[in-house]
Amino acid sequence: MQRVEDRVAIVTGAAQGIGAVYAKALAADGAKVVVADLLDGEPVVKVIEQQGGEAISITTDVTDEASVDDMVRGTVERFGKVDILVTNAAMFASLKMQPFTEITTEEWDRLMAVNVRGVFLCAKAVVPEMRRNKWGRIINIASGTVFKGTPNFLHYVVSKGAVLTMTRCMSRELGGDGICVNTLAPGLVLSEGVVDNEEMLEKLQAPVLASRAIKRDQVPEDLIGALLFLASDDCAFMTGQSVVVDGGSVNN
């Protein structure tokens, strides 16, 4: 049985990496998917269509309110509703590890605009549609690093901490509307962006692996099970929670 059959899902930052895996997984499980990204999402749409699914690509800048509103409007025009939002768009793989005393205010503001304001704007935009149908799932993507603290990534860790707290606040405001808001917190995932960042991989891969109970690298596909659970009726009585999927690195 497909858990998200006939649901409509928006996945931000879905043109590549983990977001593309989320989009394909939701489509394979029966959802109609919107690939929302500044990058070209058509290759992901084509893969979904080749596999028998239904998807569209909408060029979206999650830091821009008008662009986000257009994303939701385009989704409703094509599919008639919005059921699921996965706020995956974020700055991470392109970052340089550095002491927080060397992070410029420009980089701080740019990252916060994507990682924090983007989540706020996207959730704000989909809620009226979800309220209309008295059903919704907002899945905010944070990170296991929030529970540990990672040196030389202050702005990123802070941004994901903000996502965690947004989830808790949103869940309190939206629970009466049939909308569940939860956080999915991956560990270090070997997406193509992370693999291409040799410095990041060299500094983080070995210590992260050593901290895990399950001694292997994490790949994007490790997140599919938790994603589909949070996107479906299976989590109908669960909201405001954080699901950490990291091989047991965070163990509390």
Foldseek 3Di string as FASTA:
>chain_A
DQFQALAEEEFEPCQFWLNLVQQLLNQVSHYEYEYEELDDNVVSQVVSVVVPGHYYYQHADLLDLVRLLVSQVVSCVVRVFHAEYELDWFDDLPDDQDAPVPDDPVNLVVRLSRLPSSLVSNCVNRVVRLLVVLHHFYEYEAAPCLLPPDGRCVSNSVSSVNSLVVQLVVQVVCVVSRYAGEYEHEYDAPIVSNVVNVVNCVPPVVVLQVLAPQRDHHHSVQCSVVSSCRSGCVCSVDHSYYDYRYRHSDPD
